Amino acid sequence: MEIICQTLILVSLIALQSSGQDVQPHPTSPVVNPGGGGVFRVGNNVTPPVLLSKTEPQYSEEARRAKYQGTAMLYVQIDPSGEATHIRVVKSLGLGLDQRAVEAVRKWKFKPGYKEGQPVTVEATIEVNFRLSGDAWKIAREDFAAAAGVSMPVLSAVPSPPKCKSADAKLALSLTVHSDGSVGDARVVSSTKSSLNHDVIDSVKKWKFVPALLEGVPQSVKGQIDVVCSVWHPR
């Protein structure tokens, strides 16, 4: 099974908006930095950081066994020395891949962004794509009906991955992630290949999540996810 890890650095204002960051009307207005100085956004005489060298992230054993793929999105600040700092996950994959993405990006080296000829701290989002050749699957969409202040559940274990049967398919599922991280009430809402429905639901019922939290207290949440089975062959 071939493992491919790809990275995409997004430093535009549009990318920051799509990642859910709070974007101010003036992209070069500095954000207060507790360590001193400011954090800038690309544009209006602020140049983007340029990646000079990188360490590719490694697949976690849990994700490899589960044949799980997808994209983790990270928020970072590239400081004047070209280091990635203040890294946080803004789109989680789970199964240990978020941690692997963060560990890799911490080792990357950048040419910093510049403003008026001086290196400055510039914020950006980085997409880290994890792919497997052959039959694999991913969660293409998650939509949990959580109240304000409640964190989203994060996938932590897939004892038996969905059996894609060498077929491309998309299934929309409704489910409940209970406060103990288990899955209940899983059912298919729509499917492009009904022959996969039973195997995918059977797999999803065995999944484990880090549950949603409200002030540190586990919560049950209902939601919908889209599971995509795909067969991918590297060129």
Protein backbone atom coordinates (compact mmCIF):
# COMPACT_ATOMS: atom_id res chain seq x y z
CA MET A 1 0.00 0.00 0.00
CA GLU A 2 1.59 3.27 -1.11
CA ILE A 3 1.26 6.25 1.19
CA ILE A 4 1.28 9.76 -0.24
CA CYS A 5 1.41 12.90 1.90
CA GLN A 6 0.90 16.25 0.19
CA THR A 7 0.93 19.76 1.55
CA LEU A 8 -0.63 22.98 0.39
CA ILE A 9 0.17 26.32 1.99
CA LEU A 10 -2.61 28.88 1.91
CA VAL A 11 -1.70 32.42 2.89
CA SER A 12 -4.33 34.41 1.06
CA LEU A 13 -7.15 36.31 2.70
CA ILE A 14 -9.64 33.95 1.05
CA ALA A 15 -7.91 30.93 2.58
CA LEU A 16 -8.10 32.46 6.04
CA GLN A 17 -11.80 33.14 5.57
CA SER A 18 -12.51 29.58 4.41
CA SER A 19 -10.69 28.12 7.41
CA GLY A 20 -13.04 29.86 9.79
CA GLN A 21 -10.57 32.45 11.04
CA ASP A 22 -11.86 35.85 12.08
CA VAL A 23 -10.63 38.03 9.22
CA GLN A 24 -10.56 41.77 9.79
CA PRO A 25 -11.38 44.20 6.95
CA HIS A 26 -7.77 45.43 6.73
CA PRO A 27 -5.50 42.45 5.95
CA THR A 28 -2.31 44.18 7.16
CA SER A 29 -3.69 45.25 10.50
CA PRO A 30 -1.53 43.46 13.10
CA VAL A 31 -3.10 41.04 15.53
CA VAL A 32 -1.95 41.44 19.11
CA ASN A 33 0.83 38.97 19.87
CA PRO A 34 1.29 38.09 23.57
CA GLY A 35 5.02 37.70 22.88
CA GLY A 36 5.26 41.23 21.50
CA GLY A 37 5.06 42.69 17.99
CA GLY A 38 2.24 41.97 15.58
CA VAL A 39 0.93 39.23 13.37
CA PHE A 40 0.16 40.27 9.79
CA ARG A 41 -1.93 38.94 6.94
CA VAL A 42 -0.68 38.83 3.36
CA GLY A 43 -1.50 41.84 1.21
CA ASN A 44 -0.92 45.60 1.15
CA ASN A 45 2.88 45.39 1.13
CA VAL A 46 3.04 42.23 3.27
CA THR A 47 4.63 39.40 1.29
CA PRO A 48 3.79 35.72 1.87
CA PRO A 49 6.23 33.32 3.54
CA VAL A 50 7.96 30.90 1.17
CA LEU A 51 8.57 27.26 2.09
CA LEU A 52 12.29 26.42 1.91
CA SER A 53 12.38 22.90 3.31
CA LYS A 54 9.92 20.45 4.80
CA THR A 55 9.66 17.11 6.53
CA GLU A 56 6.84 14.99 5.15
CA PRO A 57 4.32 13.88 7.78
CA GLN A 58 4.16 10.18 8.56
CA TYR A 59 0.97 8.17 8.54
CA SER A 60 -0.23 7.06 11.95
CA GLU A 61 -0.53 3.32 12.43
CA GLU A 62 -4.22 3.67 13.36
CA ALA A 63 -5.02 5.52 10.12
CA ARG A 64 -2.98 3.12 7.99
CA ARG A 65 -4.77 0.09 9.43
CA ALA A 66 -8.11 1.81 8.91
CA LYS A 67 -7.24 2.76 5.29
CA TYR A 68 -8.25 6.29 6.24
CA GLN A 69 -7.33 9.36 4.22
CA GLY A 70 -8.21 13.03 4.14
CA THR A 71 -6.99 16.56 4.78
CA ALA A 72 -5.99 18.19 8.04
CA MET A 73 -5.94 21.98 8.08
CA LEU A 74 -3.60 23.88 10.40
CA TYR A 75 -3.41 27.53 11.39
CA VAL A 76 0.18 28.72 11.78
CA GLN A 77 2.18 31.87 12.31
CA ILE A 78 5.49 32.10 10.44
CA ASP A 79 7.80 34.21 12.59
CA PRO A 80 10.64 36.47 11.34
CA SER A 81 13.15 33.63 11.75
CA GLY A 82 11.12 31.42 9.36
CA GLU A 83 9.78 29.03 12.01
CA ALA A 84 6.16 27.84 12.19
CA THR A 85 4.71 28.79 15.58
CA HIS A 86 1.32 28.94 17.32
CA ILE A 87 0.18 25.89 15.35
CA ARG A 88 -3.38 24.74 15.93
CA VAL A 89 -5.75 22.39 14.15
CA VAL A 90 -8.69 24.12 12.47
CA LYS A 91 -9.95 21.06 10.57
CA SER A 92 -9.39 17.75 12.32
CA LEU A 93 -8.89 14.33 10.75
CA GLY A 94 -8.47 12.23 13.87
CA LEU A 95 -6.83 8.80 14.11
CA GLY A 96 -3.54 10.46 15.04
CA LEU A 97 -3.12 12.29 11.72
CA ASP A 98 -3.62 15.76 13.22
CA GLN A 99 -0.69 15.19 15.56
CA ARG A 100 1.47 13.84 12.72
CA ALA A 101 0.69 16.93 10.63
CA VAL A 102 1.59 19.29 13.50
CA GLU A 103 4.80 17.39 14.28
CA ALA A 104 5.92 17.69 10.65
CA VAL A 105 5.08 21.37 10.20
CA ARG A 106 7.00 22.29 13.37
CA LYS A 107 10.16 21.14 11.54
CA TRP A 108 9.54 23.13 8.36
CA LYS A 109 11.69 26.13 7.44
CA PHE A 110 10.37 29.20 5.65
CA LYS A 111 11.64 32.41 4.17
CA PRO A 112 9.56 34.82 6.30
CA GLY A 113 7.09 37.34 4.99
CA TYR A 114 8.25 40.95 4.72
CA LYS A 115 6.65 44.32 5.32
CA GLU A 116 8.48 47.46 4.26
CA GLY A 117 11.70 45.48 3.89
CA GLN A 118 11.60 43.95 7.36
CA PRO A 119 10.75 40.32 8.25
CA VAL A 120 7.48 40.07 10.14
CA THR A 121 5.24 37.37 11.57
CA VAL A 122 2.61 36.32 9.02
CA GLU A 123 -0.34 34.02 9.65
CA ALA A 124 -1.38 31.31 7.23
CA THR A 125 -3.29 28.08 6.91
CA ILE A 126 -1.63 24.87 5.77
CA GLU A 127 -3.49 21.90 4.31
CA VAL A 128 -1.82 18.53 4.85
CA ASN A 129 -3.27 15.81 2.61
CA PHE A 130 -2.93 12.14 3.53
CA ARG A 131 -3.61 9.64 0.74
CA LEU A 132 -3.40 5.88 0.32
CA SER A 133 -3.25 4.01 -2.97
CA GLY A 134 -5.86 1.37 -3.64
CA ASP A 135 -9.14 1.13 -1.71
CA ALA A 136 -9.43 3.88 0.89
CA TRP A 137 -12.04 6.12 2.41
CA LYS A 138 -12.44 9.49 4.06
CA ILE A 139 -14.94 11.62 5.93
CA ALA A 140 -15.75 14.33 3.38
CA ARG A 141 -18.10 16.35 5.60
CA GLU A 142 -19.03 16.54 9.27
CA ASP A 143 -21.99 18.54 10.56
CA PHE A 144 -22.77 18.12 14.25
CA ALA A 145 -25.62 19.97 15.93
CA ALA A 146 -23.67 21.18 18.94
CA ALA A 147 -24.60 24.10 21.17
CA ALA A 148 -22.38 27.15 21.49
CA GLY A 149 -19.18 26.41 23.36
CA VAL A 150 -19.29 22.67 22.67
CA SER A 151 -16.24 21.21 20.93
CA MET A 152 -16.72 18.82 18.04
CA PRO A 153 -16.12 15.06 18.50
CA VAL A 154 -12.87 13.76 16.95
CA LEU A 155 -12.50 10.28 15.46
CA SER A 156 -10.11 8.22 17.59
CA ALA A 157 -10.52 4.55 16.60
CA VAL A 158 -11.85 2.53 13.65
CA PRO A 159 -11.72 -1.17 14.64
CA SER A 160 -12.82 -2.27 11.17
CA PRO A 161 -12.70 0.14 8.21
CA PRO A 162 -15.53 0.41 5.67
CA LYS A 163 -15.20 -2.17 2.91
CA CYS A 164 -15.20 -0.11 -0.27
CA LYS A 165 -15.12 -3.16 -2.58
CA SER A 166 -13.06 -1.31 -5.22
CA ALA A 167 -15.95 1.06 -5.84
CA ASP A 168 -16.21 4.84 -5.77
CA ALA A 169 -19.18 5.88 -3.67
CA LYS A 170 -20.52 8.57 -1.37
CA LEU A 171 -22.81 7.88 1.58
CA ALA A 172 -24.49 10.48 3.76
CA LEU A 173 -25.09 9.16 7.28
CA SER A 174 -26.87 10.41 10.35
CA LEU A 175 -25.60 9.34 13.75
CA THR A 176 -25.23 10.20 17.41
CA VAL A 177 -21.85 10.38 19.12
CA HIS A 178 -22.56 9.61 22.77
CA SER A 179 -20.78 11.14 25.72
CA ASP A 180 -18.62 8.01 26.06
CA GLY A 181 -17.44 8.39 22.45
CA SER A 182 -19.49 5.50 21.07
CA VAL A 183 -21.76 5.77 18.01
CA GLY A 184 -25.48 5.16 18.05
CA ASP A 185 -28.50 5.59 15.77
CA ALA A 186 -26.38 5.29 12.62
CA ARG A 187 -28.36 5.13 9.40
CA VAL A 188 -27.93 5.92 5.72
CA VAL A 189 -29.59 9.13 4.54
CA SER A 190 -28.44 8.83 0.92
CA SER A 191 -26.06 6.62 -1.03
CA THR A 192 -24.64 6.43 -4.55
CA LYS A 193 -23.98 2.69 -4.17
CA SER A 194 -26.48 0.85 -2.01
CA SER A 195 -24.43 -2.36 -2.03
CA LEU A 196 -21.97 -0.65 0.35
CA ASN A 197 -24.60 0.55 2.83
CA HIS A 198 -24.55 -2.44 5.16
CA ASP A 199 -20.75 -2.67 5.40
CA VAL A 200 -20.30 1.06 5.97
CA ILE A 201 -22.98 1.22 8.68
CA ASP A 202 -21.55 -1.89 10.34
CA SER A 203 -18.15 -0.18 10.44
CA VAL A 204 -19.46 3.19 11.67
CA LYS A 205 -21.27 1.58 14.60
CA LYS A 206 -17.88 0.38 15.88
CA TRP A 207 -16.12 3.74 15.62
CA LYS A 208 -14.89 5.53 18.72
CA PHE A 209 -14.60 9.29 19.13
CA VAL A 210 -13.10 11.68 21.59
CA PRO A 211 -16.52 13.03 22.63
CA ALA A 212 -17.74 16.57 22.34
CA LEU A 213 -16.95 18.63 25.43
CA LEU A 214 -18.60 21.54 27.20
CA GLU A 215 -16.32 23.05 29.83
CA GLY A 216 -14.53 19.71 30.08
CA VAL A 217 -17.72 17.66 30.47
CA PRO A 218 -18.45 15.04 27.73
CA GLN A 219 -21.62 15.66 25.71
CA SER A 220 -23.75 13.61 23.34
CA VAL A 221 -24.25 15.24 19.93
CA LYS A 222 -26.22 14.34 16.84
CA GLY A 223 -25.00 15.00 13.35
CA GLN A 224 -24.43 13.93 9.79
CA ILE A 225 -21.25 12.82 8.04
CA ASP A 226 -20.44 12.04 4.44
CA VAL A 227 -18.28 8.96 3.92
CA VAL A 228 -16.52 8.70 0.56
CA CYS A 229 -15.05 5.40 -0.67
CA SER A 230 -12.51 5.78 -3.45
CA VAL A 231 -9.99 3.82 -5.46
CA TRP A 232 -6.90 5.93 -6.12
CA HIS A 233 -3.85 4.94 -8.11
CA PRO A 234 -0.81 7.25 -8.14
CA ARG A 235 0.50 8.19 -11.55
